[in-house]
Every structure is written in structure tokens, then in C-alpha cells.
Amino acid sequence: MTPTPPRIILLFSGKRKSGKDYVTDLIQKRLTAEICCILRLSAPLKQQYAKDHNVCVCVDDAESECGLDEGVKFDWIIRNDGADDVLEEQLEGLLALIKAREDSNTQNSIKLD
């Protein structure tokens, strides 16, 4: 079976312990693991960096944790401040956007005779 290329890619950025894993897991549960794959980059990159530089200590105010605080324009911002109803409302908006784009991609890929 040939793997299907992704139709939509979402990139989540946030500081350590901001809830990126929690939010992406919620999205995957709603979309199902059959059509939604999560790839986490931070841990493998940090492990490799530590190995290459003989380091065991992580610093949370390093560039990797604060480098996106300014100067980056995000298309969508999800605030994870602990209010489940607010988070749910934001996720519903994002999922509606994903569904609209998916529907658009499906229509564009249909060949009419």
C-alpha cells in the first residue's frame, strides 16, 4: 500500500509545558488516528543536541524555548489557559477550518469527464 501524501499540515509551536501535546492529542482524537498523524520534533532534536555536545542539562529560557515569542505571525493561536470550554470552542473553529480545506482539496482532486 502506497502512503498518501498529507493534504494538510498543522505546525504547533509553544513553550515547554504549554499544552502542545495535550491540544494535538485532542485534535487527533477528533479526527481519528486513521487520518491524523502527530510527529513530535522537540524531544528527538534535544536528545541529539545533548548527545552531540555531551550535555544533560536543559535550559528553559534557551532560544529553543523563547525564540518564537516575537517576530512570528501565526495563522491560528490557541490559548490553553485551563478553561476547557474556551479551549473546546477554539478547537471547534480549527477543526471547521480543517474540514473546509479538506472538502476543498477533495473537490479539487476530482476529475470531471
PDB file of N, CA and C in Angstrom:
ATOM      1  N   MET A   1       0.837  -1.178   0.000  1.00  0.00           N
ATOM      2  CA  MET A   1       0.000   0.000   0.000  1.00  0.00           C
ATOM      3  C   MET A   1       0.884   1.244   0.000  1.00  0.00           C
ATOM      4  N   THR A   2       0.639   2.140  -0.927  1.00  0.00           N
ATOM      5  CA  THR A   2       1.413   3.367  -1.050  1.00  0.00           C
ATOM      6  C   THR A   2       0.886   4.405  -0.071  1.00  0.00           C
ATOM      7  N   PRO A   3       1.788   5.025   0.711  1.00  0.00           N
ATOM      8  CA  PRO A   3       1.318   6.046   1.639  1.00  0.00           C
ATOM      9  C   PRO A   3       0.750   7.250   0.888  1.00  0.00           C
ATOM     10  N   THR A   4      -0.296   7.819   1.448  1.00  0.00           N
ATOM     11  CA  THR A   4      -0.917   9.002   0.873  1.00  0.00           C
ATOM     12  C   THR A   4      -0.190  10.235   1.381  1.00  0.00           C
ATOM     13  N   PRO A   5       0.184  11.148   0.494  1.00  0.00           N
ATOM     14  CA  PRO A   5       0.838  12.376   0.970  1.00  0.00           C
ATOM     15  C   PRO A   5      -0.150  13.204   1.792  1.00  0.00           C
ATOM     16  N   PRO A   6       0.346  13.968   2.744  1.00  0.00           N
ATOM     17  CA  PRO A   6      -0.563  14.762   3.575  1.00  0.00           C
ATOM     18  C   PRO A   6      -1.270  15.831   2.757  1.00  0.00           C
ATOM     19  N   ARG A   7      -2.525  16.063   3.092  1.00  0.00           N
ATOM     20  CA  ARG A   7      -3.294  17.112   2.426  1.00  0.00           C
ATOM     21  C   ARG A   7      -3.213  18.411   3.208  1.00  0.00           C
ATOM     22  N   ILE A   8      -3.089  18.287   4.512  1.00  0.00           N
ATOM     23  CA  ILE A   8      -2.995  19.457   5.376  1.00  0.00           C
ATOM     24  C   ILE A   8      -1.920  19.177   6.422  1.00  0.00           C
ATOM     25  N   ILE A   9      -1.068  20.151   6.666  1.00  0.00           N
ATOM     26  CA  ILE A   9      -0.053  20.034   7.711  1.00  0.00           C
ATOM     27  C   ILE A   9      -0.256  21.181   8.689  1.00  0.00           C
ATOM     28  N   LEU A  10      -0.388  20.839   9.952  1.00  0.00           N
ATOM     29  CA  LEU A  10      -0.513  21.837  11.005  1.00  0.00           C
ATOM     30  C   LEU A  10       0.761  21.795  11.838  1.00  0.00           C
ATOM     31  N   LEU A  11       1.330  22.944  12.079  1.00  0.00           N
ATOM     32  CA  LEU A  11       2.534  23.042  12.901  1.00  0.00           C
ATOM     33  C   LEU A  11       2.164  23.757  14.183  1.00  0.00           C
ATOM     34  N   PHE A  12       2.425  23.111  15.317  1.00  0.00           N
ATOM     35  CA  PHE A  12       2.114  23.682  16.617  1.00  0.00           C
ATOM     36  C   PHE A  12       3.404  24.121  17.290  1.00  0.00           C
ATOM     37  N   SER A  13       3.408  25.346  17.749  1.00  0.00           N
ATOM     38  CA  SER A  13       4.573  25.910  18.401  1.00  0.00           C
ATOM     39  C   SER A  13       4.142  26.461  19.751  1.00  0.00           C
ATOM     40  N   GLY A  14       4.969  26.270  20.744  1.00  0.00           N
ATOM     41  CA  GLY A  14       4.665  26.808  22.065  1.00  0.00           C
ATOM     42  C   GLY A  14       5.767  26.443  23.035  1.00  0.00           C
ATOM     43  N   LYS A  15       5.786  27.144  24.120  1.00  0.00           N
ATOM     44  CA  LYS A  15       6.809  26.889  25.124  1.00  0.00           C
ATOM     45  C   LYS A  15       6.594  25.537  25.797  1.00  0.00           C
ATOM     46  N   ARG A  16       7.633  25.096  26.465  1.00  0.00           N
ATOM     47  CA  ARG A  16       7.601  23.851  27.216  1.00  0.00           C
ATOM     48  C   ARG A  16       6.467  23.919  28.233  1.00  0.00           C
ATOM     49  N   LYS A  17       5.717  22.838  28.322  1.00  0.00           N
ATOM     50  CA  LYS A  17       4.597  22.707  29.264  1.00  0.00           C
ATOM     51  C   LYS A  17       3.427  23.635  28.937  1.00  0.00           C
ATOM     52  N   SER A  18       3.329  24.095  27.684  1.00  0.00           N
ATOM     53  CA  SER A  18       2.217  24.976  27.309  1.00  0.00           C
ATOM     54  C   SER A  18       0.979  24.198  26.877  1.00  0.00           C
ATOM     55  N   GLY A  19       1.113  22.885  26.707  1.00  0.00           N
ATOM     56  CA  GLY A  19      -0.031  22.066  26.340  1.00  0.00           C
ATOM     57  C   GLY A  19      -0.078  21.643  24.889  1.00  0.00           C
ATOM     58  N   LYS A  20       1.042  21.737  24.191  1.00  0.00           N
ATOM     59  CA  LYS A  20       1.068  21.335  22.770  1.00  0.00           C
ATOM     60  C   LYS A  20       0.644  19.881  22.600  1.00  0.00           C
ATOM     61  N   ASP A  21       1.209  18.998  23.405  1.00  0.00           N
ATOM     62  CA  ASP A  21       0.867  17.576  23.298  1.00  0.00           C
ATOM     63  C   ASP A  21      -0.604  17.348  23.631  1.00  0.00           C
ATOM     64  N   TYR A  22      -1.087  18.013  24.660  1.00  0.00           N
ATOM     65  CA  TYR A  22      -2.483  17.874  25.074  1.00  0.00           C
ATOM     66  C   TYR A  22      -3.418  18.306  23.945  1.00  0.00           C
ATOM     67  N   VAL A  23      -3.163  19.473  23.369  1.00  0.00           N
ATOM     68  CA  VAL A  23      -4.014  20.009  22.310  1.00  0.00           C
ATOM     69  C   VAL A  23      -3.952  19.130  21.063  1.00  0.00           C
ATOM     70  N   THR A  24      -2.761  18.719  20.655  1.00  0.00           N
ATOM     71  CA  THR A  24      -2.651  17.890  19.451  1.00  0.00           C
ATOM     72  C   THR A  24      -3.284  16.519  19.666  1.00  0.00           C
ATOM     73  N   ASP A  25      -3.193  15.988  20.879  1.00  0.00           N
ATOM     74  CA  ASP A  25      -3.871  14.717  21.171  1.00  0.00           C
ATOM     75  C   ASP A  25      -5.390  14.868  21.078  1.00  0.00           C
ATOM     76  N   LEU A  26      -5.929  15.991  21.568  1.00  0.00           N
ATOM     77  CA  LEU A  26      -7.371  16.239  21.447  1.00  0.00           C
ATOM     78  C   LEU A  26      -7.792  16.312  19.987  1.00  0.00           C
ATOM     79  N   ILE A  27      -6.996  16.988  19.172  1.00  0.00           N
ATOM     80  CA  ILE A  27      -7.313  17.099  17.749  1.00  0.00           C
ATOM     81  C   ILE A  27      -7.268  15.731  17.089  1.00  0.00           C
ATOM     82  N   GLN A  28      -6.231  14.945  17.411  1.00  0.00           N
ATOM     83  CA  GLN A  28      -6.123  13.614  16.807  1.00  0.00           C
ATOM     84  C   GLN A  28      -7.298  12.726  17.204  1.00  0.00           C
ATOM     85  N   LYS A  29      -7.752  12.824  18.437  1.00  0.00           N
ATOM     86  CA  LYS A  29      -8.910  12.028  18.866  1.00  0.00           C
ATOM     87  C   LYS A  29     -10.143  12.390  18.061  1.00  0.00           C
ATOM     88  N   ARG A  30     -10.315  13.663  17.761  1.00  0.00           N
ATOM     89  CA  ARG A  30     -11.491  14.101  16.997  1.00  0.00           C
ATOM     90  C   ARG A  30     -11.393  13.708  15.522  1.00  0.00           C
ATOM     91  N   LEU A  31     -10.195  13.793  14.970  1.00  0.00           N
ATOM     92  CA  LEU A  31     -10.010  13.458  13.555  1.00  0.00           C
ATOM     93  C   LEU A  31      -9.786  11.970  13.341  1.00  0.00           C
ATOM     94  N   THR A  32      -9.381  11.266  14.333  1.00  0.00           N
ATOM     95  CA  THR A  32      -9.009   9.845  14.386  1.00  0.00           C
ATOM     96  C   THR A  32      -7.573   9.630  13.898  1.00  0.00           C
ATOM     97  N   ALA A  33      -6.951   8.635  14.462  1.00  0.00           N
ATOM     98  CA  ALA A  33      -5.563   8.307  14.124  1.00  0.00           C
ATOM     99  C   ALA A  33      -5.441   7.776  12.698  1.00  0.00           C
ATOM    100  N   GLU A  34      -6.540   7.352  12.104  1.00  0.00           N
ATOM    101  CA  GLU A  34      -6.506   6.860  10.727  1.00  0.00           C
ATOM    102  C   GLU A  34      -6.180   7.962   9.728  1.00  0.00           C
ATOM    103  N   ILE A  35      -6.575   9.192  10.040  1.00  0.00           N
ATOM    104  CA  ILE A  35      -6.327  10.288   9.092  1.00  0.00           C
ATOM    105  C   ILE A  35      -5.451  11.388   9.670  1.00  0.00           C
ATOM    106  N   CYS A  36      -5.072  11.273  10.933  1.00  0.00           N
ATOM    107  CA  CYS A  36      -4.277  12.323  11.577  1.00  0.00           C
ATOM    108  C   CYS A  36      -3.053  11.708  12.234  1.00  0.00           C
ATOM    109  N   CYS A  37      -1.892  12.171  11.848  1.00  0.00           N
ATOM    110  CA  CYS A  37      -0.630  11.674  12.389  1.00  0.00           C
ATOM    111  C   CYS A  37       0.081  12.818  13.104  1.00  0.00           C
ATOM    112  N   ILE A  38       0.605  12.530  14.290  1.00  0.00           N
ATOM    113  CA  ILE A  38       1.344  13.534  15.049  1.00  0.00           C
ATOM    114  C   ILE A  38       2.822  13.175  15.021  1.00  0.00           C
ATOM    115  N   LEU A  39       3.629  14.124  14.603  1.00  0.00           N
ATOM    116  CA  LEU A  39       5.087  13.966  14.621  1.00  0.00           C
ATOM    117  C   LEU A  39       5.639  14.995  15.594  1.00  0.00           C
ATOM    118  N   ARG A  40       6.343  14.548  16.599  1.00  0.00           N
ATOM    119  CA  ARG A  40       6.910  15.455  17.590  1.00  0.00           C
ATOM    120  C   ARG A  40       8.400  15.593  17.335  1.00  0.00           C
ATOM    121  N   LEU A  41       8.854  16.834  17.246  1.00  0.00           N
ATOM    122  CA  LEU A  41      10.243  17.089  16.887  1.00  0.00           C
ATOM    123  C   LEU A  41      11.124  17.492  18.062  1.00  0.00           C
ATOM    124  N   SER A  42      10.582  18.115  19.060  1.00  0.00           N
ATOM    125  CA  SER A  42      11.382  18.713  20.125  1.00  0.00           C
ATOM    126  C   SER A  42      12.255  17.704  20.859  1.00  0.00           C
ATOM    127  N   ALA A  43      11.666  16.650  21.355  1.00  0.00           N
ATOM    128  CA  ALA A  43      12.433  15.684  22.152  1.00  0.00           C
ATOM    129  C   ALA A  43      13.577  15.053  21.359  1.00  0.00           C
ATOM    130  N   PRO A  44      13.332  14.539  20.133  1.00  0.00           N
ATOM    131  CA  PRO A  44      14.444  13.958  19.381  1.00  0.00           C
ATOM    132  C   PRO A  44      15.549  14.965  19.069  1.00  0.00           C
ATOM    133  N   LEU A  45      15.160  16.210  18.762  1.00  0.00           N
ATOM    134  CA  LEU A  45      16.173  17.228  18.469  1.00  0.00           C
ATOM    135  C   LEU A  45      17.008  17.554  19.706  1.00  0.00           C
ATOM    136  N   LYS A  46      16.345  17.679  20.849  1.00  0.00           N
ATOM    137  CA  LYS A  46      17.068  17.968  22.087  1.00  0.00           C
ATOM    138  C   LYS A  46      17.976  16.806  22.484  1.00  0.00           C
ATOM    139  N   GLN A  47      17.497  15.580  22.306  1.00  0.00           N
ATOM    140  CA  GLN A  47      18.325  14.413  22.623  1.00  0.00           C
ATOM    141  C   GLN A  47      19.562  14.373  21.746  1.00  0.00           C
ATOM    142  N   GLN A  48      19.398  14.632  20.471  1.00  0.00           N
ATOM    143  CA  GLN A  48      20.544  14.609  19.560  1.00  0.00           C
ATOM    144  C   GLN A  48      21.524  15.725  19.893  1.00  0.00           C
ATOM    145  N   TYR A  49      21.017  16.910  20.186  1.00  0.00           N
ATOM    146  CA  TYR A  49      21.877  18.033  20.553  1.00  0.00           C
ATOM    147  C   TYR A  49      22.676  17.687  21.815  1.00  0.00           C
ATOM    148  N   ALA A  50      21.989  17.131  22.816  1.00  0.00           N
ATOM    149  CA  ALA A  50      22.658  16.761  24.063  1.00  0.00           C
ATOM    150  C   ALA A  50      23.735  15.711  23.807  1.00  0.00           C
ATOM    151  N   LYS A  51      23.433  14.747  22.962  1.00  0.00           N
ATOM    152  CA  LYS A  51      24.402  13.695  22.632  1.00  0.00           C
ATOM    153  C   LYS A  51      25.611  14.287  21.908  1.00  0.00           C
ATOM    154  N   ASP A  52      25.353  15.154  20.923  1.00  0.00           N
ATOM    155  CA  ASP A  52      26.431  15.747  20.137  1.00  0.00           C
ATOM    156  C   ASP A  52      27.340  16.651  20.967  1.00  0.00           C
ATOM    157  N   HIS A  53      26.783  17.264  22.008  1.00  0.00           N
ATOM    158  CA  HIS A  53      27.536  18.239  22.798  1.00  0.00           C
ATOM    159  C   HIS A  53      27.831  17.784  24.221  1.00  0.00           C
ATOM    160  N   ASN A  54      27.607  16.471  24.475  1.00  0.00           N
ATOM    161  CA  ASN A  54      27.836  15.920  25.815  1.00  0.00           C
ATOM    162  C   ASN A  54      27.173  16.772  26.890  1.00  0.00           C
ATOM    163  N   VAL A  55      25.877  17.067  26.716  1.00  0.00           N
ATOM    164  CA  VAL A  55      25.106  17.915  27.632  1.00  0.00           C
ATOM    165  C   VAL A  55      24.049  17.064  28.320  1.00  0.00           C
ATOM    166  N   CYS A  56      23.595  17.141  29.588  1.00  0.00           N
ATOM    167  CA  CYS A  56      22.414  16.554  30.287  1.00  0.00           C
ATOM    168  C   CYS A  56      21.495  17.588  30.872  1.00  0.00           C
ATOM    169  N   VAL A  57      21.934  18.831  30.779  1.00  0.00           N
ATOM    170  CA  VAL A  57      21.170  19.910  31.409  1.00  0.00           C
ATOM    171  C   VAL A  57      20.413  20.678  30.326  1.00  0.00           C
ATOM    172  N   CYS A  58      19.124  20.900  30.541  1.00  0.00           N
ATOM    173  CA  CYS A  58      18.308  21.703  29.627  1.00  0.00           C
ATOM    174  C   CYS A  58      17.999  23.044  30.287  1.00  0.00           C
ATOM    175  N   VAL A  59      17.978  24.073  29.498  1.00  0.00           N
ATOM    176  CA  VAL A  59      17.659  25.416  29.995  1.00  0.00           C
ATOM    177  C   VAL A  59      16.382  25.881  29.322  1.00  0.00           C
ATOM    178  N   ASP A  60      15.363  26.197  30.118  1.00  0.00           N
ATOM    179  CA  ASP A  60      14.062  26.557  29.567  1.00  0.00           C
ATOM    180  C   ASP A  60      14.001  27.942  28.958  1.00  0.00           C
ATOM    181  N   ASP A  61      14.976  28.786  29.233  1.00  0.00           N
ATOM    182  CA  ASP A  61      14.943  30.101  28.603  1.00  0.00           C
ATOM    183  C   ASP A  61      15.898  30.169  27.412  1.00  0.00           C
ATOM    184  N   ALA A  62      16.290  29.001  26.943  1.00  0.00           N
ATOM    185  CA  ALA A  62      17.159  28.938  25.768  1.00  0.00           C
ATOM    186  C   ALA A  62      16.388  29.388  24.538  1.00  0.00           C
ATOM    187  N   GLU A  63      17.101  29.658  23.460  1.00  0.00           N
ATOM    188  CA  GLU A  63      16.486  30.118  22.210  1.00  0.00           C
ATOM    189  C   GLU A  63      15.390  29.171  21.741  1.00  0.00           C
ATOM    190  N   SER A  64      15.562  27.866  21.966  1.00  0.00           N
ATOM    191  CA  SER A  64      14.551  26.914  21.515  1.00  0.00           C
ATOM    192  C   SER A  64      13.233  27.093  22.252  1.00  0.00           C
ATOM    193  N   GLU A  65      13.244  27.666  23.455  1.00  0.00           N
ATOM    194  CA  GLU A  65      12.022  27.869  24.220  1.00  0.00           C
ATOM    195  C   GLU A  65      11.423  29.257  24.023  1.00  0.00           C
ATOM    196  N   CYS A  66      12.223  30.248  23.685  1.00  0.00           N
ATOM    197  CA  CYS A  66      11.740  31.632  23.609  1.00  0.00           C
ATOM    198  C   CYS A  66      11.902  32.259  22.237  1.00  0.00           C
ATOM    199  N   GLY A  67      12.475  31.554  21.296  1.00  0.00           N
ATOM    200  CA  GLY A  67      12.794  32.129  20.000  1.00  0.00           C
ATOM    201  C   GLY A  67      11.595  32.555  19.183  1.00  0.00           C
ATOM    202  N   LEU A  68      10.409  32.028  19.484  1.00  0.00           N
ATOM    203  CA  LEU A  68       9.227  32.389  18.707  1.00  0.00           C
ATOM    204  C   LEU A  68       8.305  33.342  19.456  1.00  0.00           C
ATOM    205  N   ASP A  69       8.799  33.943  20.535  1.00  0.00           N
ATOM    206  CA  ASP A  69       7.960  34.871  21.292  1.00  0.00           C
ATOM    207  C   ASP A  69       7.630  36.129  20.496  1.00  0.00           C
ATOM    208  N   GLU A  70       8.528  36.552  19.634  1.00  0.00           N
ATOM    209  CA  GLU A  70       8.326  37.777  18.872  1.00  0.00           C
ATOM    210  C   GLU A  70       8.745  37.558  17.419  1.00  0.00           C
ATOM    211  N   GLY A  71       8.131  38.331  16.538  1.00  0.00           N
ATOM    212  CA  GLY A  71       8.557  38.340  15.150  1.00  0.00           C
ATOM    213  C   GLY A  71       7.975  37.254  14.271  1.00  0.00           C
ATOM    214  N   VAL A  72       7.088  36.426  14.795  1.00  0.00           N
ATOM    215  CA  VAL A  72       6.471  35.367  14.007  1.00  0.00           C
ATOM    216  C   VAL A  72       4.974  35.613  13.963  1.00  0.00           C
ATOM    217  N   LYS A  73       4.405  35.582  12.756  1.00  0.00           N
ATOM    218  CA  LYS A  73       2.965  35.754  12.605  1.00  0.00           C
ATOM    219  C   LYS A  73       2.341  34.370  12.433  1.00  0.00           C
ATOM    220  N   PHE A  74       1.498  34.002  13.364  1.00  0.00           N
ATOM    221  CA  PHE A  74       0.832  32.703  13.308  1.00  0.00           C
ATOM    222  C   PHE A  74      -0.526  32.853  12.636  1.00  0.00           C
ATOM    223  N   ASP A  75      -0.954  31.831  11.906  1.00  0.00           N
ATOM    224  CA  ASP A  75      -2.263  31.837  11.262  1.00  0.00           C
ATOM    225  C   ASP A  75      -3.389  31.608  12.269  1.00  0.00           C
ATOM    226  N   TRP A  76      -3.092  30.865  13.313  1.00  0.00           N
ATOM    227  CA  TRP A  76      -4.108  30.488  14.290  1.00  0.00           C
ATOM    228  C   TRP A  76      -3.427  30.422  15.647  1.00  0.00           C
ATOM    229  N   ILE A  77      -4.046  30.994  16.653  1.00  0.00           N
ATOM    230  CA  ILE A  77      -3.494  30.940  18.004  1.00  0.00           C
ATOM    231  C   ILE A  77      -4.507  30.264  18.912  1.00  0.00           C
ATOM    232  N   ILE A  78      -4.053  29.231  19.605  1.00  0.00           N
ATOM    233  CA  ILE A  78      -4.894  28.520  20.569  1.00  0.00           C
ATOM    234  C   ILE A  78      -4.380  28.862  21.955  1.00  0.00           C
ATOM    235  N   ARG A  79      -5.248  29.410  22.760  1.00  0.00           N
ATOM    236  CA  ARG A  79      -4.892  29.739  24.143  1.00  0.00           C
ATOM    237  C   ARG A  79      -5.322  28.586  25.036  1.00  0.00           C
ATOM    238  N   ASN A  80      -4.373  28.037  25.745  1.00  0.00           N
ATOM    239  CA  ASN A  80      -4.626  26.911  26.639  1.00  0.00           C
ATOM    240  C   ASN A  80      -4.398  27.394  28.072  1.00  0.00           C
ATOM    241  N   ASP A  81      -5.375  28.154  28.576  1.00  0.00           N
ATOM    242  CA  ASP A  81      -5.252  28.755  29.896  1.00  0.00           C
ATOM    243  C   ASP A  81      -5.986  27.984  30.985  1.00  0.00           C
ATOM    244  N   GLY A  82      -6.449  26.787  30.686  1.00  0.00           N
ATOM    245  CA  GLY A  82      -7.108  25.972  31.690  1.00  0.00           C
ATOM    246  C   GLY A  82      -8.619  25.982  31.630  1.00  0.00           C
ATOM    247  N   ALA A  83      -9.216  26.814  30.799  1.00  0.00           N
ATOM    248  CA  ALA A  83     -10.670  26.853  30.660  1.00  0.00           C
ATOM    249  C   ALA A  83     -11.078  25.887  29.547  1.00  0.00           C
ATOM    250  N   ASP A  84     -11.600  24.722  29.930  1.00  0.00           N
ATOM    251  CA  ASP A  84     -11.931  23.685  28.953  1.00  0.00           C
ATOM    252  C   ASP A  84     -12.950  24.144  27.919  1.00  0.00           C
ATOM    253  N   ASP A  85     -13.941  24.932  28.329  1.00  0.00           N
ATOM    254  CA  ASP A  85     -14.958  25.379  27.375  1.00  0.00           C
ATOM    255  C   ASP A  85     -14.370  26.330  26.333  1.00  0.00           C
ATOM    256  N   VAL A  86     -13.443  27.181  26.755  1.00  0.00           N
ATOM    257  CA  VAL A  86     -12.780  28.096  25.819  1.00  0.00           C
ATOM    258  C   VAL A  86     -11.884  27.314  24.860  1.00  0.00           C
ATOM    259  N   LEU A  87     -11.146  26.350  25.387  1.00  0.00           N
ATOM    260  CA  LEU A  87     -10.292  25.512  24.544  1.00  0.00           C
ATOM    261  C   LEU A  87     -11.139  24.740  23.539  1.00  0.00           C
ATOM    262  N   GLU A  88     -12.246  24.181  23.996  1.00  0.00           N
ATOM    263  CA  GLU A  88     -13.127  23.421  23.114  1.00  0.00           C
ATOM    264  C   GLU A  88     -13.652  24.299  21.978  1.00  0.00           C
ATOM    265  N   GLU A  89     -14.019  25.522  22.279  1.00  0.00           N
ATOM    266  CA  GLU A  89     -14.518  26.443  21.266  1.00  0.00           C
ATOM    267  C   GLU A  89     -13.439  26.746  20.223  1.00  0.00           C
ATOM    268  N   GLN A  90     -12.219  26.933  20.686  1.00  0.00           N
ATOM    269  CA  GLN A  90     -11.113  27.198  19.761  1.00  0.00           C
ATOM    270  C   GLN A  90     -10.838  25.991  18.878  1.00  0.00           C
ATOM    271  N   LEU A  91     -10.878  24.793  19.461  1.00  0.00           N
ATOM    272  CA  LEU A  91     -10.634  23.572  18.689  1.00  0.00           C
ATOM    273  C   LEU A  91     -11.726  23.358  17.645  1.00  0.00           C
ATOM    274  N   GLU A  92     -12.969  23.656  18.007  1.00  0.00           N
ATOM    275  CA  GLU A  92     -14.059  23.511  17.044  1.00  0.00           C
ATOM    276  C   GLU A  92     -13.838  24.427  15.841  1.00  0.00           C
ATOM    277  N   GLY A  93     -13.363  25.641  16.083  1.00  0.00           N
ATOM    278  CA  GLY A  93     -13.067  26.555  14.982  1.00  0.00           C
ATOM    279  C   GLY A  93     -11.958  26.026  14.095  1.00  0.00           C
ATOM    280  N   LEU A  94     -10.907  25.507  14.708  1.00  0.00           N
ATOM    281  CA  LEU A  94      -9.792  24.947  13.943  1.00  0.00           C
ATOM    282  C   LEU A  94     -10.228  23.716  13.161  1.00  0.00           C
ATOM    283  N   LEU A  95     -11.007  22.843  13.781  1.00  0.00           N
ATOM    284  CA  LEU A  95     -11.484  21.643  13.101  1.00  0.00           C
ATOM    285  C   LEU A  95     -12.410  22.000  11.934  1.00  0.00           C
ATOM    286  N   ALA A  96     -13.203  23.054  12.080  1.00  0.00           N
ATOM    287  CA  ALA A  96     -14.060  23.505  10.975  1.00  0.00           C
ATOM    288  C   ALA A  96     -13.198  23.979   9.801  1.00  0.00           C
ATOM    289  N   LEU A  97     -12.111  24.693  10.111  1.00  0.00           N
ATOM    290  CA  LEU A  97     -11.185  25.134   9.068  1.00  0.00           C
ATOM    291  C   LEU A  97     -10.545  23.936   8.364  1.00  0.00           C
ATOM    292  N   ILE A  98     -10.113  22.947   9.139  1.00  0.00           N
ATOM    293  CA  ILE A  98      -9.515  21.733   8.566  1.00  0.00           C
ATOM    294  C   ILE A  98     -10.517  21.040   7.650  1.00  0.00           C
ATOM    295  N   LYS A  99     -11.761  20.888   8.118  1.00  0.00           N
ATOM    296  CA  LYS A  99     -12.791  20.218   7.315  1.00  0.00           C
ATOM    297  C   LYS A  99     -13.052  20.990   6.022  1.00  0.00           C
ATOM    298  N   ALA A 100     -13.115  22.314   6.106  1.00  0.00           N
ATOM    299  CA  ALA A 100     -13.353  23.124   4.905  1.00  0.00           C
ATOM    300  C   ALA A 100     -12.213  22.960   3.909  1.00  0.00           C
ATOM    301  N   ARG A 101     -10.992  22.961   4.404  1.00  0.00           N
ATOM    302  CA  ARG A 101      -9.838  22.785   3.498  1.00  0.00           C
ATOM    303  C   ARG A 101      -9.815  21.379   2.907  1.00  0.00           C
ATOM    304  N   GLU A 102     -10.165  20.396   3.720  1.00  0.00           N
ATOM    305  CA  GLU A 102     -10.203  19.008   3.240  1.00  0.00           C
ATOM    306  C   GLU A 102     -11.269  18.860   2.160  1.00  0.00           C
ATOM    307  N   ASP A 103     -12.442  19.445   2.393  1.00  0.00           N
ATOM    308  CA  ASP A 103     -13.507  19.395   1.391  1.00  0.00           C
ATOM    309  C   ASP A 103     -13.063  20.073   0.106  1.00  0.00           C
ATOM    310  N   SER A 104     -12.373  21.193   0.228  1.00  0.00           N
ATOM    311  CA  SER A 104     -11.867  21.926  -0.929  1.00  0.00           C
ATOM    312  C   SER A 104     -10.842  21.090  -1.690  1.00  0.00           C
ATOM    313  N   ASN A 105      -9.931  20.440  -0.955  1.00  0.00           N
ATOM    314  CA  ASN A 105      -8.922  19.583  -1.588  1.00  0.00           C
ATOM    315  C   ASN A 105      -9.569  18.408  -2.297  1.00  0.00           C
ATOM    316  N   THR A 106     -10.596  17.824  -1.693  1.00  0.00           N
ATOM    317  CA  THR A 106     -11.278  16.688  -2.305  1.00  0.00           C
ATOM    318  C   THR A 106     -11.951  17.114  -3.599  1.00  0.00           C
ATOM    319  N   GLN A 107     -12.629  18.261  -3.581  1.00  0.00           N
ATOM    320  CA  GLN A 107     -13.295  18.749  -4.784  1.00  0.00           C
ATOM    321  C   GLN A 107     -12.281  19.058  -5.876  1.00  0.00           C
ATOM    322  N   ASN A 108     -11.130  19.600  -5.498  1.00  0.00           N
ATOM    323  CA  ASN A 108     -10.107  19.941  -6.491  1.00  0.00           C
ATOM    324  C   ASN A 108      -9.458  18.715  -7.090  1.00  0.00           C
ATOM    325  N   SER A 109      -9.505  17.587  -6.387  1.00  0.00           N
ATOM    326  CA  SER A 109      -8.833  16.394  -6.901  1.00  0.00           C
ATOM    327  C   SER A 109      -9.755  15.506  -7.730  1.00  0.00           C
ATOM    328  N   ILE A 110     -11.018  15.872  -7.810  1.00  0.00           N
ATOM    329  CA  ILE A 110     -11.970  15.081  -8.607  1.00  0.00           C
ATOM    330  C   ILE A 110     -11.839  15.482 -10.074  1.00  0.00           C
ATOM    331  N   LYS A 111     -11.669  14.504 -10.924  1.00  0.00           N
ATOM    332  CA  LYS A 111     -11.550  14.762 -12.356  1.00  0.00           C
ATOM    333  C   LYS A 111     -12.931  14.579 -12.986  1.00  0.00           C
ATOM    334  N   LEU A 112     -13.374  15.592 -13.687  1.00  0.00           N
ATOM    335  CA  LEU A 112     -14.663  15.532 -14.343  1.00  0.00           C
ATOM    336  C   LEU A 112     -14.455  15.219 -15.819  1.00  0.00           C
ATOM    337  N   ASP A 113     -15.291  14.348 -16.346  1.00  0.00           N
ATOM    338  CA  ASP A 113     -15.211  13.992 -17.760  1.00  0.00           C
ATOM    339  C   ASP A 113     -16.196  14.800 -18.575  1.00  0.00           C
TER     340      ASP A 113
END
